[in-house]
Amino acid sequence: MESTLKSVSRLTPLELRIMKVLWEFGPATVQEVQEKLLGDQLAYTTVQTMLNILHRKRRVKRVLKGKAYEYRPVLSKDKAIKEAIGDLVDRLFGGSVDGLVMNLLKSRQFDSKKLLRLSNLVDEHQKNEPKRREKDDG
């Protein structure tokens, strides 16, 4: 059951392109989204269908403005990234974040500069974590 829910909520590549338009430009009509999509020129009806699917998935909300719906993202970019990474880790590495990191190291995705920078980011994140918890609890 959980995998069915995940596959329903997972953003397809086209849904992600549409969400990127909404994240970057804010609320928009079908026509405005269509105009801002880079690359392939998609038919109005295709963009409309995709926005309706995103609405059913509760990834966007819509409000009738005049004769057209205006769509705005409900799903934040950060949340979408978190979901996509979680899905990737679950599907490819059996839920093991260590497996992901080890694969990145084996495939030489990191050089010593990147590893040092990443290590510094981890240290900084750990220092700020107690402050974030206090802020969330307060």
C-alpha atoms as a PDB file:
ATOM      1  CA  MET A   1       0.000   0.000   0.000  1.00  0.00           C
ATOM      2  CA  GLU A   2       2.794   2.456   0.908  1.00  0.00           C
ATOM      3  CA  SER A   3       4.550   2.009  -2.445  1.00  0.00           C
ATOM      4  CA  THR A   4       1.246   2.762  -4.219  1.00  0.00           C
ATOM      5  CA  LEU A   5       0.922   5.993  -2.271  1.00  0.00           C
ATOM      6  CA  LYS A   6       4.534   6.901  -3.033  1.00  0.00           C
ATOM      7  CA  SER A   7       4.117   6.280  -6.748  1.00  0.00           C
ATOM      8  CA  VAL A   8       0.981   8.441  -6.798  1.00  0.00           C
ATOM      9  CA  SER A   9       2.766  11.291  -5.011  1.00  0.00           C
ATOM     10  CA  ARG A  10       6.040  10.981  -6.957  1.00  0.00           C
ATOM     11  CA  LEU A  11       6.426  13.805  -9.448  1.00  0.00           C
ATOM     12  CA  THR A  12       6.877  12.775 -13.064  1.00  0.00           C
ATOM     13  CA  PRO A  13       9.481  14.686 -15.106  1.00  0.00           C
ATOM     14  CA  LEU A  14       6.765  16.835 -16.737  1.00  0.00           C
ATOM     15  CA  GLU A  15       5.051  17.506 -13.408  1.00  0.00           C
ATOM     16  CA  LEU A  16       8.418  18.586 -12.014  1.00  0.00           C
ATOM     17  CA  ARG A  17       8.968  20.991 -14.928  1.00  0.00           C
ATOM     18  CA  ILE A  18       5.558  22.547 -14.237  1.00  0.00           C
ATOM     19  CA  MET A  19       6.237  22.766 -10.499  1.00  0.00           C
ATOM     20  CA  LYS A  20       9.558  24.503 -11.237  1.00  0.00           C
ATOM     21  CA  VAL A  21       7.642  27.192 -13.157  1.00  0.00           C
ATOM     22  CA  LEU A  22       5.274  27.707 -10.225  1.00  0.00           C
ATOM     23  CA  TRP A  23       8.142  27.770  -7.691  1.00  0.00           C
ATOM     24  CA  GLU A  24      10.081  30.294  -9.741  1.00  0.00           C
ATOM     25  CA  PHE A  25       7.271  32.593 -10.926  1.00  0.00           C
ATOM     26  CA  GLY A  26       4.523  32.032  -8.342  1.00  0.00           C
ATOM     27  CA  PRO A  27       0.803  31.579  -9.012  1.00  0.00           C
ATOM     28  CA  ALA A  28      -0.025  31.245 -12.701  1.00  0.00           C
ATOM     29  CA  THR A  29      -2.772  30.289 -15.126  1.00  0.00           C
ATOM     30  CA  VAL A  30      -2.456  27.382 -17.557  1.00  0.00           C
ATOM     31  CA  GLN A  31      -1.527  29.823 -20.319  1.00  0.00           C
ATOM     32  CA  GLU A  32       1.143  31.512 -18.182  1.00  0.00           C
ATOM     33  CA  VAL A  33       2.671  28.158 -17.229  1.00  0.00           C
ATOM     34  CA  GLN A  34       2.619  27.083 -20.888  1.00  0.00           C
ATOM     35  CA  GLU A  35       4.435  30.269 -21.926  1.00  0.00           C
ATOM     36  CA  LYS A  36       7.117  29.882 -19.232  1.00  0.00           C
ATOM     37  CA  LEU A  37       7.901  26.211 -19.890  1.00  0.00           C
ATOM     38  CA  LEU A  38      11.240  26.004 -21.616  1.00  0.00           C
ATOM     39  CA  GLY A  39      12.129  23.417 -24.221  1.00  0.00           C
ATOM     40  CA  ASP A  40       9.341  21.594 -26.011  1.00  0.00           C
ATOM     41  CA  GLN A  41       6.273  23.624 -26.819  1.00  0.00           C
ATOM     42  CA  LEU A  42       3.484  21.809 -25.028  1.00  0.00           C
ATOM     43  CA  ALA A  43      -0.143  22.099 -26.046  1.00  0.00           C
ATOM     44  CA  TYR A  44      -2.389  24.160 -23.775  1.00  0.00           C
ATOM     45  CA  THR A  45      -4.510  21.057 -23.107  1.00  0.00           C
ATOM     46  CA  THR A  46      -1.426  19.062 -22.063  1.00  0.00           C
ATOM     47  CA  VAL A  47      -0.402  21.713 -19.521  1.00  0.00           C
ATOM     48  CA  GLN A  48      -4.012  21.944 -18.321  1.00  0.00           C
ATOM     49  CA  THR A  49      -4.219  18.162 -17.874  1.00  0.00           C
ATOM     50  CA  MET A  50      -0.946  18.098 -15.953  1.00  0.00           C
ATOM     51  CA  LEU A  51      -2.058  20.925 -13.661  1.00  0.00           C
ATOM     52  CA  ASN A  52      -5.330  19.073 -13.031  1.00  0.00           C
ATOM     53  CA  ILE A  53      -3.340  15.950 -12.117  1.00  0.00           C
ATOM     54  CA  LEU A  54      -1.130  18.000  -9.771  1.00  0.00           C
ATOM     55  CA  HIS A  55      -4.302  19.417  -8.233  1.00  0.00           C
ATOM     56  CA  ARG A  56      -5.720  15.916  -7.669  1.00  0.00           C
ATOM     57  CA  LYS A  57      -2.392  14.902  -6.103  1.00  0.00           C
ATOM     58  CA  ARG A  58      -2.714  17.964  -3.820  1.00  0.00           C
ATOM     59  CA  ARG A  59       0.582  19.355  -5.105  1.00  0.00           C
ATOM     60  CA  VAL A  60      -1.081  22.591  -6.267  1.00  0.00           C
ATOM     61  CA  LYS A  61      -4.167  24.571  -5.312  1.00  0.00           C
ATOM     62  CA  ARG A  62      -6.287  26.490  -7.732  1.00  0.00           C
ATOM     63  CA  VAL A  63      -8.515  29.533  -7.461  1.00  0.00           C
ATOM     64  CA  LEU A  64     -10.872  30.748 -10.166  1.00  0.00           C
ATOM     65  CA  LYS A  65      -9.757  34.196 -11.315  1.00  0.00           C
ATOM     66  CA  GLY A  66     -12.171  35.508 -13.921  1.00  0.00           C
ATOM     67  CA  LYS A  67     -12.564  32.738 -16.471  1.00  0.00           C
ATOM     68  CA  ALA A  68      -9.311  30.879 -15.726  1.00  0.00           C
ATOM     69  CA  TYR A  69      -7.929  28.983 -12.787  1.00  0.00           C
ATOM     70  CA  GLU A  70      -4.784  30.308 -11.178  1.00  0.00           C
ATOM     71  CA  TYR A  71      -2.545  27.556  -9.804  1.00  0.00           C
ATOM     72  CA  ARG A  72      -0.111  27.888  -6.932  1.00  0.00           C
ATOM     73  CA  PRO A  73       2.210  25.285  -5.439  1.00  0.00           C
ATOM     74  CA  VAL A  74       1.256  23.592  -2.190  1.00  0.00           C
ATOM     75  CA  LEU A  75       4.317  21.351  -2.324  1.00  0.00           C
ATOM     76  CA  SER A  76       7.455  23.337  -1.553  1.00  0.00           C
ATOM     77  CA  LYS A  77      10.627  22.834  -3.537  1.00  0.00           C
ATOM     78  CA  ASP A  78      12.459  21.668  -0.380  1.00  0.00           C
ATOM     79  CA  LYS A  79       9.743  19.100   0.370  1.00  0.00           C
ATOM     80  CA  ALA A  80       9.812  17.852  -3.233  1.00  0.00           C
ATOM     81  CA  ILE A  81      13.589  17.423  -3.049  1.00  0.00           C
ATOM     82  CA  LYS A  82      13.310  15.587   0.268  1.00  0.00           C
ATOM     83  CA  GLU A  83      10.646  13.251  -1.174  1.00  0.00           C
ATOM     84  CA  ALA A  84      12.639  12.590  -4.361  1.00  0.00           C
ATOM     85  CA  ILE A  85      15.831  11.805  -2.450  1.00  0.00           C
ATOM     86  CA  GLY A  86      13.932   9.570  -0.040  1.00  0.00           C
ATOM     87  CA  ASP A  87      12.347   7.747  -2.975  1.00  0.00           C
ATOM     88  CA  LEU A  88      15.736   7.341  -4.681  1.00  0.00           C
ATOM     89  CA  VAL A  89      17.334   5.983  -1.502  1.00  0.00           C
ATOM     90  CA  ASP A  90      14.414   3.576  -0.939  1.00  0.00           C
ATOM     91  CA  ARG A  91      14.276   2.272  -4.513  1.00  0.00           C
ATOM     92  CA  LEU A  92      17.978   2.044  -5.356  1.00  0.00           C
ATOM     93  CA  PHE A  93      19.646   1.528  -1.980  1.00  0.00           C
ATOM     94  CA  GLY A  94      17.019  -0.284   0.098  1.00  0.00           C
ATOM     95  CA  GLY A  95      16.602   2.736   2.359  1.00  0.00           C
ATOM     96  CA  SER A  96      20.325   2.966   3.104  1.00  0.00           C
ATOM     97  CA  VAL A  97      21.674   6.509   2.961  1.00  0.00           C
ATOM     98  CA  ASP A  98      25.114   4.995   3.576  1.00  0.00           C
ATOM     99  CA  GLY A  99      24.645   3.015   0.356  1.00  0.00           C
ATOM    100  CA  LEU A 100      23.966   6.225  -1.555  1.00  0.00           C
ATOM    101  CA  VAL A 101      27.016   7.977  -0.113  1.00  0.00           C
ATOM    102  CA  MET A 102      29.276   4.972  -0.721  1.00  0.00           C
ATOM    103  CA  ASN A 103      28.048   4.798  -4.320  1.00  0.00           C
ATOM    104  CA  LEU A 104      28.834   8.486  -4.792  1.00  0.00           C
ATOM    105  CA  LEU A 105      32.314   7.910  -3.405  1.00  0.00           C
ATOM    106  CA  LYS A 106      32.924   4.801  -5.559  1.00  0.00           C
ATOM    107  CA  SER A 107      31.767   6.580  -8.707  1.00  0.00           C
ATOM    108  CA  ARG A 108      34.171   9.416  -7.909  1.00  0.00           C
ATOM    109  CA  GLN A 109      31.454  12.065  -7.600  1.00  0.00           C
ATOM    110  CA  PHE A 110      33.505  13.646  -4.806  1.00  0.00           C
ATOM    111  CA  ASP A 111      37.035  14.982  -4.920  1.00  0.00           C
ATOM    112  CA  SER A 112      38.934  15.973  -1.769  1.00  0.00           C
ATOM    113  CA  LYS A 113      37.736  19.615  -1.989  1.00  0.00           C
ATOM    114  CA  LYS A 114      34.093  18.561  -2.245  1.00  0.00           C
ATOM    115  CA  LEU A 115      34.486  16.088   0.614  1.00  0.00           C
ATOM    116  CA  LEU A 116      36.024  18.781   2.831  1.00  0.00           C
ATOM    117  CA  ARG A 117      33.247  21.212   1.944  1.00  0.00           C
ATOM    118  CA  LEU A 118      30.634  18.533   2.642  1.00  0.00           C
ATOM    119  CA  SER A 119      32.266  17.688   5.961  1.00  0.00           C
ATOM    120  CA  ASN A 120      32.173  21.392   6.928  1.00  0.00           C
ATOM    121  CA  LEU A 121      28.484  21.578   5.959  1.00  0.00           C
ATOM    122  CA  VAL A 122      27.706  18.542   8.118  1.00  0.00           C
ATOM    123  CA  ASP A 123      29.559  20.093  11.059  1.00  0.00           C
ATOM    124  CA  GLU A 124      27.700  23.376  10.612  1.00  0.00           C
ATOM    125  CA  HIS A 125      24.362  21.593  10.332  1.00  0.00           C
ATOM    126  CA  GLN A 126      25.021  19.673  13.548  1.00  0.00           C
ATOM    127  CA  LYS A 127      25.956  22.883  15.392  1.00  0.00           C
ATOM    128  CA  ASN A 128      22.745  24.589  14.272  1.00  0.00           C
ATOM    129  CA  GLU A 129      20.447  21.629  14.959  1.00  0.00           C
ATOM    130  CA  PRO A 130      19.943  22.398  18.699  1.00  0.00           C
ATOM    131  CA  LYS A 131      19.077  26.013  17.776  1.00  0.00           C
ATOM    132  CA  ARG A 132      16.500  24.809  15.227  1.00  0.00           C
ATOM    133  CA  ARG A 133      14.907  22.474  17.768  1.00  0.00           C
ATOM    134  CA  GLU A 134      14.629  25.286  20.327  1.00  0.00           C
ATOM    135  CA  LYS A 135      13.064  27.534  17.707  1.00  0.00           C
ATOM    136  CA  ASP A 136      10.571  24.815  16.678  1.00  0.00           C
ATOM    137  CA  ASP A 137       9.683  24.038  20.301  1.00  0.00           C
ATOM    138  CA  GLY A 138       9.444  27.716  21.332  1.00  0.00           C
END
